[in-house]
Amino acid sequence: MTARPRARVVVLAGPSGSGKSRLAHRLGWPVLRLDDFYRDGDAPGLPMVGPGLVDWDDPRSWDVEQACDAIERLCREGHVDAPVYEIAANARVGHREVRVGGAEVFIAEGIFAPYVVEGCRSRGLLADAICVRHHRIVTFVLRLARDLRERRKPPRVLVRRGWALLRAEPSVVRAAEQMGCAPMTPLRAERRLRDLPS
């Protein structure tokens, strides 16, 4: 019989720019950034949207197995050496140690977070799974402001990507719900999660 994990995971999903990271920061719990598990830009077989332009919104650009392994290690061992990914560089640029300390729950957040929900549930690691959402126009504005501020890509690329994500957002939320995430606003999610032991 598998030993009870020392901590469980809250999977925090949502469209890019919906406020996942801000919510995690307000809660003050340990955070595993799932977006750091992107594959390097020169990895073979990456999905493309044009010559030399990787489709970073396609889950095939992301390493789900490595993300799941890191979540389980953090749940069972209390610490993990996680990658640090820099979007502007299209590459992992370092690593950082994530520890749960005395917390009973931690957050795993990112745009591909729904893909780890079933694996976490089947291993007895899941505390909750939420898809954070706003009205999609609000998300578009928040995302574009963030991406321009952080100079993630050239402005033309960011605007084009932003419009594509705006159109796709309803299907992104539906897919997250189908994979086990409960869709709700950041405020409602915060109230729900503060009822969990931490």
Protein backbone atom coordinates (compact mmCIF):
# COMPACT_ATOMS: atom_id res chain seq x y z
CA MET A 1 0.00 0.00 0.00
CA THR A 2 1.34 3.44 -0.93
CA ALA A 3 2.21 5.65 2.04
CA ARG A 4 0.09 8.74 2.61
CA PRO A 5 1.78 11.77 0.98
CA ARG A 6 3.11 14.48 3.29
CA ALA A 7 1.31 17.10 1.17
CA ARG A 8 -1.36 17.24 -1.51
CA VAL A 9 -1.60 19.42 -4.60
CA VAL A 10 -4.09 22.05 -5.70
CA VAL A 11 -4.01 22.15 -9.49
CA LEU A 12 -4.65 25.71 -10.62
CA ALA A 13 -5.50 25.97 -14.30
CA GLY A 14 -6.86 28.74 -16.49
CA PRO A 15 -6.23 30.62 -19.73
CA SER A 16 -2.97 32.52 -20.03
CA GLY A 17 -3.35 35.82 -18.17
CA SER A 18 -6.38 34.76 -16.10
CA GLY A 19 -4.73 35.40 -12.74
CA LYS A 20 -3.40 31.99 -11.67
CA SER A 21 -0.06 33.33 -10.47
CA ARG A 22 -1.63 36.31 -8.68
CA LEU A 23 -4.04 33.99 -6.85
CA ALA A 24 -1.22 31.66 -5.84
CA HIS A 25 0.77 34.65 -4.53
CA ARG A 26 -2.18 35.90 -2.45
CA LEU A 27 -2.66 32.48 -0.87
CA GLY A 28 1.00 32.38 0.14
CA TRP A 29 1.34 28.60 -0.29
CA PRO A 30 4.31 26.83 -1.88
CA VAL A 31 4.02 26.97 -5.69
CA LEU A 32 5.29 24.67 -8.42
CA ARG A 33 5.24 26.65 -11.69
CA LEU A 34 4.13 24.17 -14.32
CA ASP A 35 4.95 26.62 -17.14
CA ASP A 36 8.63 25.97 -16.32
CA PHE A 37 8.20 22.48 -17.81
CA TYR A 38 8.06 23.75 -21.39
CA ARG A 39 10.44 21.99 -23.76
CA ASP A 40 13.41 23.93 -25.07
CA GLY A 41 12.82 25.73 -28.35
CA ASP A 42 15.26 23.47 -30.19
CA ALA A 43 13.69 20.20 -28.99
CA PRO A 44 12.70 17.88 -31.85
CA GLY A 45 9.06 17.55 -32.85
CA LEU A 46 7.75 20.81 -31.41
CA PRO A 47 4.43 22.05 -32.89
CA MET A 48 4.90 25.09 -35.16
CA VAL A 49 2.61 27.95 -36.20
CA GLY A 50 4.94 29.36 -38.83
CA PRO A 51 8.55 29.24 -40.02
CA GLY A 52 10.72 29.18 -36.91
CA LEU A 53 7.79 30.00 -34.59
CA VAL A 54 6.87 27.37 -31.98
CA ASP A 55 3.23 27.05 -30.94
CA TRP A 56 3.71 27.49 -27.19
CA ASP A 57 -0.06 27.16 -26.66
CA ASP A 58 -0.01 23.55 -27.88
CA PRO A 59 0.41 21.00 -25.04
CA ARG A 60 2.95 19.11 -27.15
CA SER A 61 5.38 21.97 -26.42
CA TRP A 62 5.23 21.00 -22.74
CA ASP A 63 6.60 17.99 -20.81
CA VAL A 64 3.61 16.53 -18.95
CA GLU A 65 5.48 13.47 -17.69
CA GLN A 66 8.23 15.50 -16.09
CA ALA A 67 5.65 17.84 -14.54
CA CYS A 68 3.72 14.91 -13.03
CA ASP A 69 6.91 13.36 -11.67
CA ALA A 70 7.86 16.67 -10.01
CA ILE A 71 4.41 16.98 -8.40
CA GLU A 72 4.61 13.47 -6.98
CA ARG A 73 8.11 14.02 -5.65
CA LEU A 74 7.01 17.23 -3.95
CA CYS A 75 3.98 15.51 -2.43
CA ARG A 76 5.89 12.51 -1.13
CA GLU A 77 9.38 13.85 -0.38
CA GLY A 78 8.55 17.46 0.42
CA HIS A 79 11.02 18.99 -2.03
CA VAL A 80 11.92 18.94 -5.71
CA ASP A 81 14.53 20.49 -7.99
CA ALA A 82 12.40 22.24 -10.62
CA PRO A 83 13.50 23.87 -13.88
CA VAL A 84 13.35 27.62 -14.50
CA TYR A 85 12.12 28.42 -17.99
CA GLU A 86 12.58 31.78 -19.69
CA ILE A 87 9.99 32.41 -22.39
CA ALA A 88 12.02 35.09 -24.15
CA ALA A 89 14.94 32.64 -24.45
CA ASN A 90 12.74 29.65 -25.44
CA ALA A 91 14.78 27.58 -23.01
CA ARG A 92 15.35 26.39 -19.48
CA VAL A 93 17.92 28.71 -17.97
CA GLY A 94 18.41 27.20 -14.52
CA HIS A 95 16.67 25.42 -11.69
CA ARG A 96 15.26 26.12 -8.25
CA GLU A 97 14.36 24.04 -5.25
CA VAL A 98 10.70 24.00 -4.26
CA ARG A 99 9.88 22.88 -0.71
CA VAL A 100 6.52 22.37 0.99
CA GLY A 101 7.92 22.98 4.47
CA GLY A 102 5.14 22.34 6.94
CA ALA A 103 2.33 23.04 4.46
CA GLU A 104 -0.27 20.34 3.91
CA VAL A 105 -1.11 21.63 0.43
CA PHE A 106 0.79 23.37 -2.36
CA ILE A 107 -0.19 24.81 -5.71
CA ALA A 108 0.79 23.55 -9.15
CA GLU A 109 -0.25 26.23 -11.65
CA GLY A 110 0.08 26.78 -15.37
CA ILE A 111 -1.79 26.88 -18.65
CA PHE A 112 -1.43 23.12 -19.16
CA ALA A 113 -2.32 22.25 -15.56
CA PRO A 114 -5.50 20.29 -16.52
CA TYR A 115 -3.29 17.63 -18.08
CA VAL A 116 -1.95 16.58 -14.65
CA VAL A 117 -5.31 16.38 -12.85
CA GLU A 118 -6.20 12.76 -13.58
CA GLY A 119 -2.70 11.52 -12.81
CA CYS A 120 -2.68 13.35 -9.47
CA ARG A 121 -6.14 12.06 -8.60
CA SER A 122 -5.27 8.45 -9.43
CA ARG A 123 -2.16 8.63 -7.23
CA GLY A 124 -4.06 10.07 -4.26
CA LEU A 125 -2.26 13.43 -4.48
CA LEU A 126 -5.08 15.79 -5.49
CA ALA A 127 -6.59 18.24 -2.98
CA ASP A 128 -8.54 20.28 -5.56
CA ALA A 129 -8.50 21.34 -9.22
CA ILE A 130 -9.72 24.76 -10.32
CA CYS A 131 -9.84 26.65 -13.62
CA VAL A 132 -9.53 30.39 -12.94
CA ARG A 133 -11.45 32.54 -15.43
CA HIS A 134 -12.60 36.10 -16.10
CA HIS A 135 -14.60 37.48 -19.00
CA ARG A 136 -12.29 36.78 -21.95
CA ILE A 137 -11.87 40.49 -22.84
CA VAL A 138 -10.55 41.11 -19.32
CA THR A 139 -8.17 38.18 -19.70
CA PHE A 140 -6.98 39.51 -23.08
CA VAL A 141 -6.13 42.94 -21.61
CA LEU A 142 -4.41 41.50 -18.51
CA ARG A 143 -2.40 39.04 -20.60
CA LEU A 144 -1.26 41.60 -23.17
CA ALA A 145 -0.24 44.08 -20.47
CA ARG A 146 1.78 41.40 -18.68
CA ASP A 147 3.45 40.08 -21.84
CA LEU A 148 4.40 43.55 -23.05
CA ARG A 149 5.73 44.51 -19.62
CA GLU A 150 7.86 41.36 -19.46
CA ARG A 151 8.89 41.64 -23.15
CA ARG A 152 8.07 37.99 -23.66
CA LYS A 153 7.98 38.29 -27.47
CA PRO A 154 7.85 41.10 -30.06
CA PRO A 155 4.63 43.18 -29.70
CA ARG A 156 3.29 42.04 -33.10
CA VAL A 157 3.59 38.39 -32.03
CA LEU A 158 1.96 39.11 -28.66
CA VAL A 159 -1.04 40.88 -30.18
CA ARG A 160 -1.58 38.15 -32.79
CA ARG A 161 -1.27 35.45 -30.16
CA GLY A 162 -3.57 37.38 -27.82
CA TRP A 163 -6.39 37.54 -30.37
CA ALA A 164 -6.02 33.84 -31.09
CA LEU A 165 -6.19 33.04 -27.37
CA LEU A 166 -9.22 35.29 -26.93
CA ARG A 167 -11.11 33.33 -29.57
CA ALA A 168 -9.99 30.00 -28.13
CA GLU A 169 -10.67 30.82 -24.47
CA PRO A 170 -14.19 29.28 -24.18
CA SER A 171 -12.90 25.98 -25.54
CA VAL A 172 -9.88 26.13 -23.19
CA VAL A 173 -12.17 26.51 -20.19
CA ARG A 174 -14.48 23.72 -21.41
CA ALA A 175 -11.52 21.40 -21.89
CA ALA A 176 -10.23 22.15 -18.39
CA GLU A 177 -13.66 21.39 -16.97
CA GLN A 178 -13.79 18.10 -18.88
CA MET A 179 -10.40 17.17 -17.40
CA GLY A 180 -11.67 17.73 -13.86
CA CYS A 181 -11.17 21.43 -13.08
CA ALA A 182 -14.00 23.50 -11.58
CA PRO A 183 -14.25 26.86 -13.43
CA MET A 184 -14.66 29.98 -11.26
CA THR A 185 -13.46 33.54 -10.75
CA PRO A 186 -10.23 34.17 -8.84
CA LEU A 187 -12.20 35.59 -5.88
CA ARG A 188 -14.42 32.53 -5.59
CA ALA A 189 -11.40 30.25 -6.00
CA GLU A 190 -9.58 32.04 -3.19
CA ARG A 191 -12.52 31.63 -0.83
CA ARG A 192 -12.80 27.94 -1.70
CA LEU A 193 -9.10 27.25 -1.27
CA ARG A 194 -8.77 29.10 2.02
CA ASP A 195 -11.10 26.46 3.48
CA LEU A 196 -8.45 23.82 2.78
CA PRO A 197 -5.81 23.03 5.44
CA SER A 198 -2.49 24.69 4.63
